[in-house]
Protein backbone atom coordinates (compact mmCIF):
# COMPACT_ATOMS: atom_id res chain seq x y z
CA MET A 1 65.77 7.18 -39.11
CA ARG A 2 67.37 3.84 -39.71
CA VAL A 3 71.09 3.39 -39.10
CA LEU A 4 72.87 1.80 -42.06
CA GLN A 5 75.21 -0.90 -40.77
CA PRO A 6 76.13 -3.81 -43.04
CA THR A 7 76.39 -6.96 -40.91
CA GLU A 8 79.82 -7.85 -42.33
CA TRP A 9 81.29 -4.45 -41.37
CA SER A 10 82.68 -3.77 -37.92
CA LYS A 11 80.58 -1.31 -35.97
CA PRO A 12 82.24 2.13 -35.88
CA ARG A 13 83.03 3.83 -32.61
CA GLY A 14 81.47 7.26 -32.03
CA PHE A 15 79.59 7.59 -35.34
CA SER A 16 77.42 5.74 -37.86
CA HIS A 17 78.33 4.93 -41.44
CA GLY A 18 74.99 6.30 -42.60
CA VAL A 19 71.31 6.80 -41.86
CA GLU A 20 68.21 6.47 -43.95
CA VAL A 21 65.47 9.06 -43.57
CA ASP A 22 62.07 8.12 -44.96
CA GLY A 23 58.98 10.26 -44.64
CA LEU A 24 57.81 13.80 -44.32
CA GLY A 25 59.55 16.20 -42.02
CA ARG A 26 61.72 19.27 -41.64
CA TRP A 27 65.42 19.62 -42.33
CA VAL A 28 67.58 21.74 -40.03
CA VAL A 29 71.00 22.83 -41.30
CA LEU A 30 73.37 24.61 -38.94
CA ALA A 31 76.36 26.71 -39.86
CA GLY A 32 79.65 25.50 -38.47
CA GLN A 33 79.81 26.10 -34.74
CA THR A 34 83.15 26.87 -33.16
CA GLY A 35 84.26 26.72 -29.55
CA GLY A 36 83.71 30.45 -29.01
CA ASP A 37 81.22 31.26 -26.29
CA GLU A 38 78.50 33.95 -26.29
CA LYS A 39 81.11 36.62 -25.51
CA GLY A 40 83.47 35.43 -28.23
CA ASP A 41 85.93 33.92 -25.76
CA TYR A 42 87.62 30.59 -26.48
CA GLN A 43 88.77 27.84 -24.16
CA PRO A 44 92.53 27.27 -24.58
CA ASP A 45 92.19 23.51 -25.16
CA MET A 46 90.57 21.36 -27.84
CA ALA A 47 88.25 19.49 -25.43
CA GLY A 48 86.96 22.77 -23.99
CA GLN A 49 86.28 24.15 -27.45
CA VAL A 50 84.50 20.97 -28.56
CA ALA A 51 82.33 21.15 -25.43
CA VAL A 52 81.32 24.74 -26.22
CA ALA A 53 80.66 23.93 -29.89
CA LEU A 54 78.45 20.96 -28.95
CA ARG A 55 76.49 23.05 -26.43
CA ARG A 56 75.96 25.70 -29.11
CA ILE A 57 74.69 22.99 -31.47
CA ILE A 58 72.21 21.70 -28.89
CA LYS A 59 71.01 25.27 -28.24
CA LEU A 60 70.46 25.93 -31.96
CA LEU A 61 68.68 22.60 -32.45
CA SER A 62 66.36 23.42 -29.55
CA GLU A 63 65.39 26.64 -31.35
CA ALA A 64 63.97 24.38 -34.09
CA GLY A 65 62.32 22.00 -31.61
CA ALA A 66 65.00 19.38 -32.27
CA GLY A 67 67.48 17.48 -30.17
CA PRO A 68 70.61 15.40 -30.65
CA GLU A 69 68.50 12.42 -31.71
CA HIS A 70 67.56 14.35 -34.88
CA ILE A 71 71.15 14.85 -36.09
CA VAL A 72 71.77 12.97 -39.34
CA ARG A 73 75.25 14.35 -40.16
CA LEU A 74 78.20 16.04 -38.47
CA THR A 75 81.23 17.48 -40.25
CA TRP A 76 84.16 18.38 -38.02
CA TYR A 77 86.98 20.73 -39.04
CA LEU A 78 89.96 20.38 -36.72
CA THR A 79 93.22 22.31 -36.69
CA SER A 80 95.39 19.69 -34.98
CA ARG A 81 95.37 15.90 -35.11
CA SER A 82 97.63 15.62 -32.04
CA GLU A 83 95.48 17.97 -29.95
CA TYR A 84 92.33 16.12 -31.02
CA GLU A 85 93.81 12.74 -30.14
CA ALA A 86 95.12 14.00 -26.77
CA ALA A 87 91.72 15.53 -25.95
CA GLY A 88 89.86 12.23 -26.43
CA PRO A 89 88.63 11.75 -22.84
CA GLY A 90 87.43 15.36 -22.56
CA ILE A 91 85.73 15.22 -25.95
CA GLY A 92 84.06 11.95 -24.95
CA ALA A 93 82.73 13.56 -21.76
CA ALA A 94 81.43 16.57 -23.71
CA TRP A 95 79.76 14.23 -26.23
CA ARG A 96 78.01 12.23 -23.48
CA GLU A 97 76.85 15.47 -21.81
CA THR A 98 75.34 16.93 -25.00
CA LEU A 99 74.69 14.19 -27.56
CA GLY A 100 74.30 11.24 -25.21
CA ARG A 101 74.20 7.89 -27.00
CA ASN A 102 73.50 9.38 -30.44
CA PHE A 103 76.20 8.59 -33.01
CA PRO A 104 75.23 10.13 -36.37
CA PRO A 105 77.37 9.84 -39.50
CA SER A 106 80.42 12.03 -39.06
CA THR A 107 83.35 13.25 -41.10
CA LEU A 108 86.50 14.67 -39.47
CA LEU A 109 88.87 16.84 -41.48
CA TYR A 110 92.22 18.25 -40.40
CA ILE A 111 92.76 21.71 -41.85
CA ALA A 112 95.40 24.44 -41.64
CA GLY A 113 93.19 26.89 -39.78
CA LEU A 114 89.80 28.50 -39.27
CA VAL A 115 88.64 32.08 -39.83
CA ASP A 116 89.08 32.96 -36.14
CA GLU A 117 92.69 32.03 -35.39
CA ARG A 118 91.76 31.08 -31.80
CA ALA A 119 89.36 28.39 -33.01
CA LYS A 120 90.59 24.80 -32.93
CA VAL A 121 87.32 23.16 -34.07
CA GLU A 122 84.25 23.94 -36.14
CA ILE A 123 81.32 21.51 -36.42
CA GLU A 124 78.56 21.61 -39.04
CA VAL A 125 75.24 19.83 -38.44
CA THR A 126 72.37 18.55 -40.53
CA ALA A 127 69.27 17.33 -38.68
CA PHE A 128 65.88 15.92 -39.67
CA LEU A 129 62.66 16.16 -37.68
CA PRO A 130 60.02 13.70 -38.87
CA ARG A 131 56.42 14.87 -38.89
CA ALA A 132 54.41 13.34 -36.09
């Protein structure tokens, strides 16, 4: 993958504007992952839910033999701008723990709610694994 970053644009923080994928490989598309754990329980705070959602994403990617370095797109659905902004340090820590220094293209949307009323975040993922 090649990160698309025009030289005259400022470098974004925490994501890429785009990536180019060239070659043969496999696509992995994940359904939106919420902050509900294996038992269906939710952390009460946004950072805790993001951490769970990111761990679920890493687990699903590993099922396909992929890792965070293969993610080419994230779409975030968030129920509260203020909670998201306040949870910044915790979300950053969860990101470093799961995705490391990978910053794929991302879109964040603020929405009225998710199917499970306890959910504060849902994250969709598209990944690409090049053939060796």
